[in-house]
């Protein structure tokens, strides 16, 4: 673990339930339960999740990512990667193929919200390859 990774929310436990959908180690800490569950997801440097799609109907399935610590990436299919730092918010509309994770040299944490609705579910897809990930800047806000 790291002593220099300050964050507002708990790091949580190793994210073993979803480890098959991540390259590297992530951690999961439930923050709020209820109709809009909120989790703090933390990524060790270089960790990222696979491409995935959140599905939903009747207004459900949008994902909101609120960066709370560190530095990371978000990318929607066909779009340039977006650098994330604390305070940045990304809205991922339902049906958008995307991935998110830490920069190669930094820890990264975000709160993740999924809007409630009908048939809300995740579809996990292929990994973000080392070749694709390796083309991203290693630090700073440049994409």
C-alpha atoms as a PDB file:
ATOM      1  CA  UNK A   1       0.000   0.000   0.000  1.00  0.00           C
ATOM      2  CA  UNK A   2       1.065   3.618   0.031  1.00  0.00           C
ATOM      3  CA  UNK A   3       1.514   6.212   2.778  1.00  0.00           C
ATOM      4  CA  UNK A   4       1.285   9.224   0.455  1.00  0.00           C
ATOM      5  CA  UNK A   5      -2.136   8.568  -1.062  1.00  0.00           C
ATOM      6  CA  UNK A   6      -4.446  10.935   0.800  1.00  0.00           C
ATOM      7  CA  UNK A   7      -8.133  10.563   0.125  1.00  0.00           C
ATOM      8  CA  UNK A   8     -11.414  11.539   1.723  1.00  0.00           C
ATOM      9  CA  UNK A   9     -13.030   8.107   1.579  1.00  0.00           C
ATOM     10  CA  UNK A  10     -11.875   4.674   2.769  1.00  0.00           C
ATOM     11  CA  UNK A  11      -9.585   2.694   0.466  1.00  0.00           C
ATOM     12  CA  UNK A  12     -11.686  -0.400   1.032  1.00  0.00           C
ATOM     13  CA  UNK A  13     -10.835  -4.015   0.446  1.00  0.00           C
ATOM     14  CA  UNK A  14      -9.125  -5.543  -2.575  1.00  0.00           C
ATOM     15  CA  UNK A  15     -11.727  -5.707  -5.336  1.00  0.00           C
ATOM     16  CA  UNK A  16     -11.620  -9.491  -5.711  1.00  0.00           C
ATOM     17  CA  UNK A  17     -15.231  -9.809  -6.913  1.00  0.00           C
ATOM     18  CA  UNK A  18     -14.404  -7.877 -10.103  1.00  0.00           C
ATOM     19  CA  UNK A  19     -10.670  -8.625 -10.372  1.00  0.00           C
ATOM     20  CA  UNK A  20     -11.184 -10.514 -13.637  1.00  0.00           C
ATOM     21  CA  UNK A  21     -12.290  -7.213 -15.243  1.00  0.00           C
ATOM     22  CA  UNK A  22      -9.227  -5.206 -14.141  1.00  0.00           C
ATOM     23  CA  UNK A  23      -5.565  -5.093 -15.072  1.00  0.00           C
ATOM     24  CA  UNK A  24      -3.759  -4.395 -11.809  1.00  0.00           C
ATOM     25  CA  UNK A  25      -5.088  -4.054  -8.271  1.00  0.00           C
ATOM     26  CA  UNK A  26      -8.212  -2.083  -7.430  1.00  0.00           C
ATOM     27  CA  UNK A  27     -10.015  -1.559  -4.139  1.00  0.00           C
ATOM     28  CA  UNK A  28     -13.715  -1.134  -3.405  1.00  0.00           C
ATOM     29  CA  UNK A  29     -15.343   0.680  -0.471  1.00  0.00           C
ATOM     30  CA  UNK A  30     -19.145   1.028  -0.346  1.00  0.00           C
ATOM     31  CA  UNK A  31     -19.968   4.588   0.751  1.00  0.00           C
ATOM     32  CA  UNK A  32     -23.777   4.693   0.584  1.00  0.00           C
ATOM     33  CA  UNK A  33     -26.522   2.133   0.081  1.00  0.00           C
ATOM     34  CA  UNK A  34     -30.057   2.636  -1.136  1.00  0.00           C
ATOM     35  CA  UNK A  35     -31.706   3.521  -4.430  1.00  0.00           C
ATOM     36  CA  UNK A  36     -28.480   5.151  -5.697  1.00  0.00           C
ATOM     37  CA  UNK A  37     -25.599   3.113  -4.272  1.00  0.00           C
ATOM     38  CA  UNK A  38     -22.240   4.889  -4.162  1.00  0.00           C
ATOM     39  CA  UNK A  39     -18.838   3.191  -4.039  1.00  0.00           C
ATOM     40  CA  UNK A  40     -15.317   4.532  -3.736  1.00  0.00           C
ATOM     41  CA  UNK A  41     -13.120   2.721  -6.251  1.00  0.00           C
ATOM     42  CA  UNK A  42      -9.339   3.088  -5.903  1.00  0.00           C
ATOM     43  CA  UNK A  43      -6.748   2.014  -8.441  1.00  0.00           C
ATOM     44  CA  UNK A  44      -3.046   1.374  -7.866  1.00  0.00           C
ATOM     45  CA  UNK A  45      -0.745   3.043 -10.429  1.00  0.00           C
ATOM     46  CA  UNK A  46      -1.314   1.508 -13.867  1.00  0.00           C
ATOM     47  CA  UNK A  47      -4.530  -0.248 -12.846  1.00  0.00           C
ATOM     48  CA  UNK A  48      -7.516   0.105 -15.165  1.00  0.00           C
ATOM     49  CA  UNK A  49     -10.760  -1.687 -15.814  1.00  0.00           C
ATOM     50  CA  UNK A  50     -11.765  -3.382 -19.043  1.00  0.00           C
ATOM     51  CA  UNK A  51     -13.853  -1.663 -21.647  1.00  0.00           C
ATOM     52  CA  UNK A  52     -17.447  -1.947 -20.495  1.00  0.00           C
ATOM     53  CA  UNK A  53     -20.966  -0.677 -21.068  1.00  0.00           C
ATOM     54  CA  UNK A  54     -23.604   0.213 -18.474  1.00  0.00           C
ATOM     55  CA  UNK A  55     -27.050  -0.617 -19.781  1.00  0.00           C
ATOM     56  CA  UNK A  56     -30.396   0.567 -18.469  1.00  0.00           C
ATOM     57  CA  UNK A  57     -33.864   1.713 -19.405  1.00  0.00           C
ATOM     58  CA  UNK A  58     -36.329   4.221 -17.979  1.00  0.00           C
ATOM     59  CA  UNK A  59     -33.522   6.682 -17.209  1.00  0.00           C
ATOM     60  CA  UNK A  60     -31.220   4.116 -15.632  1.00  0.00           C
ATOM     61  CA  UNK A  61     -27.696   3.049 -16.402  1.00  0.00           C
ATOM     62  CA  UNK A  62     -25.900   6.405 -16.629  1.00  0.00           C
ATOM     63  CA  UNK A  63     -22.658   6.343 -14.643  1.00  0.00           C
ATOM     64  CA  UNK A  64     -21.245   9.349 -12.819  1.00  0.00           C
ATOM     65  CA  UNK A  65     -17.552   9.321 -11.928  1.00  0.00           C
ATOM     66  CA  UNK A  66     -16.364  11.905  -9.382  1.00  0.00           C
ATOM     67  CA  UNK A  67     -12.584  11.926  -8.952  1.00  0.00           C
ATOM     68  CA  UNK A  68     -11.717  12.316  -5.281  1.00  0.00           C
ATOM     69  CA  UNK A  69      -7.954  11.638  -5.198  1.00  0.00           C
ATOM     70  CA  UNK A  70      -4.946  11.025  -7.382  1.00  0.00           C
ATOM     71  CA  UNK A  71      -4.858  11.158 -11.155  1.00  0.00           C
ATOM     72  CA  UNK A  72      -6.545   8.930 -13.701  1.00  0.00           C
ATOM     73  CA  UNK A  73      -7.995   8.425 -17.148  1.00  0.00           C
ATOM     74  CA  UNK A  74     -11.467   8.066 -18.616  1.00  0.00           C
ATOM     75  CA  UNK A  75     -12.017   7.174 -22.256  1.00  0.00           C
ATOM     76  CA  UNK A  76     -15.166   6.585 -24.292  1.00  0.00           C
ATOM     77  CA  UNK A  77     -14.854   4.539 -27.472  1.00  0.00           C
ATOM     78  CA  UNK A  78     -13.852   6.688 -30.428  1.00  0.00           C
ATOM     79  CA  UNK A  79     -12.962   9.676 -28.215  1.00  0.00           C
ATOM     80  CA  UNK A  80      -9.674  10.999 -26.872  1.00  0.00           C
ATOM     81  CA  UNK A  81      -8.744   9.964 -23.314  1.00  0.00           C
ATOM     82  CA  UNK A  82      -9.684  12.495 -20.610  1.00  0.00           C
ATOM     83  CA  UNK A  83      -7.305  13.210 -17.732  1.00  0.00           C
ATOM     84  CA  UNK A  84      -9.039  13.227 -14.343  1.00  0.00           C
ATOM     85  CA  UNK A  85      -7.937  14.973 -11.156  1.00  0.00           C
ATOM     86  CA  UNK A  86      -9.753  15.598  -7.851  1.00  0.00           C
ATOM     87  CA  UNK A  87     -13.006  17.471  -8.396  1.00  0.00           C
ATOM     88  CA  UNK A  88     -13.471  16.351 -12.013  1.00  0.00           C
ATOM     89  CA  UNK A  89     -16.824  14.791 -12.863  1.00  0.00           C
ATOM     90  CA  UNK A  90     -17.593  12.608 -15.872  1.00  0.00           C
ATOM     91  CA  UNK A  91     -21.110  11.583 -16.913  1.00  0.00           C
ATOM     92  CA  UNK A  92     -21.136   8.375 -18.912  1.00  0.00           C
ATOM     93  CA  UNK A  93     -24.492   7.969 -20.689  1.00  0.00           C
ATOM     94  CA  UNK A  94     -26.003   4.477 -20.625  1.00  0.00           C
ATOM     95  CA  UNK A  95     -24.875   2.475 -23.632  1.00  0.00           C
ATOM     96  CA  UNK A  96     -21.435   4.142 -23.880  1.00  0.00           C
ATOM     97  CA  UNK A  97     -18.468   1.792 -24.266  1.00  0.00           C
ATOM     98  CA  UNK A  98     -15.712   3.137 -21.999  1.00  0.00           C
ATOM     99  CA  UNK A  99     -12.953   2.427 -19.474  1.00  0.00           C
ATOM    100  CA  UNK A 100     -11.328   4.277 -16.570  1.00  0.00           C
ATOM    101  CA  UNK A 101      -8.324   3.808 -14.331  1.00  0.00           C
ATOM    102  CA  UNK A 102      -5.148   5.222 -12.822  1.00  0.00           C
ATOM    103  CA  UNK A 103      -2.308   6.879 -14.647  1.00  0.00           C
ATOM    104  CA  UNK A 104       0.853   4.794 -14.868  1.00  0.00           C
ATOM    105  CA  UNK A 105       2.597   6.763 -12.107  1.00  0.00           C
ATOM    106  CA  UNK A 106      -0.286   7.685  -9.784  1.00  0.00           C
ATOM    107  CA  UNK A 107      -2.950   6.258  -7.536  1.00  0.00           C
ATOM    108  CA  UNK A 108      -6.518   7.206  -8.501  1.00  0.00           C
ATOM    109  CA  UNK A 109      -9.855   7.152  -6.678  1.00  0.00           C
ATOM    110  CA  UNK A 110     -13.351   8.019  -7.800  1.00  0.00           C
ATOM    111  CA  UNK A 111     -16.840   7.759  -6.446  1.00  0.00           C
ATOM    112  CA  UNK A 112     -19.046   5.799  -8.838  1.00  0.00           C
ATOM    113  CA  UNK A 113     -22.813   6.292  -9.088  1.00  0.00           C
ATOM    114  CA  UNK A 114     -25.211   4.466 -11.418  1.00  0.00           C
ATOM    115  CA  UNK A 115     -28.591   6.079 -12.052  1.00  0.00           C
ATOM    116  CA  UNK A 116     -31.466   3.782 -11.097  1.00  0.00           C
ATOM    117  CA  UNK A 117     -33.935   2.561 -13.684  1.00  0.00           C
ATOM    118  CA  UNK A 118     -35.048  -0.621 -15.352  1.00  0.00           C
ATOM    119  CA  UNK A 119     -32.738  -3.447 -16.432  1.00  0.00           C
ATOM    120  CA  UNK A 120     -29.591  -1.727 -15.073  1.00  0.00           C
ATOM    121  CA  UNK A 121     -26.579  -3.961 -15.683  1.00  0.00           C
ATOM    122  CA  UNK A 122     -22.923  -3.968 -16.751  1.00  0.00           C
ATOM    123  CA  UNK A 123     -21.533  -5.634 -19.838  1.00  0.00           C
ATOM    124  CA  UNK A 124     -17.811  -6.319 -19.376  1.00  0.00           C
ATOM    125  CA  UNK A 125     -15.748  -6.392 -22.561  1.00  0.00           C
ATOM    126  CA  UNK A 126     -12.097  -6.697 -23.652  1.00  0.00           C
ATOM    127  CA  UNK A 127      -9.161  -5.375 -21.610  1.00  0.00           C
ATOM    128  CA  UNK A 128      -7.415  -2.097 -22.375  1.00  0.00           C
ATOM    129  CA  UNK A 129      -4.195  -3.583 -23.731  1.00  0.00           C
ATOM    130  CA  UNK A 130      -0.740  -2.648 -22.486  1.00  0.00           C
ATOM    131  CA  UNK A 131      -0.011  -1.352 -25.998  1.00  0.00           C
ATOM    132  CA  UNK A 132      -2.987   1.057 -25.978  1.00  0.00           C
ATOM    133  CA  UNK A 133      -2.460   2.061 -22.331  1.00  0.00           C
ATOM    134  CA  UNK A 134       1.276   2.559 -22.915  1.00  0.00           C
ATOM    135  CA  UNK A 135       0.549   5.258 -25.509  1.00  0.00           C
ATOM    136  CA  UNK A 136      -1.063   7.515 -22.870  1.00  0.00           C
ATOM    137  CA  UNK A 137       1.021  10.231 -21.171  1.00  0.00           C
ATOM    138  CA  UNK A 138       2.362   8.961 -17.844  1.00  0.00           C
ATOM    139  CA  UNK A 139       1.579  12.121 -15.874  1.00  0.00           C
ATOM    140  CA  UNK A 140       0.201  15.624 -16.101  1.00  0.00           C
ATOM    141  CA  UNK A 141      -3.071  16.696 -17.638  1.00  0.00           C
ATOM    142  CA  UNK A 142      -2.180  16.105 -21.277  1.00  0.00           C
ATOM    143  CA  UNK A 143      -4.229  13.581 -23.195  1.00  0.00           C
END
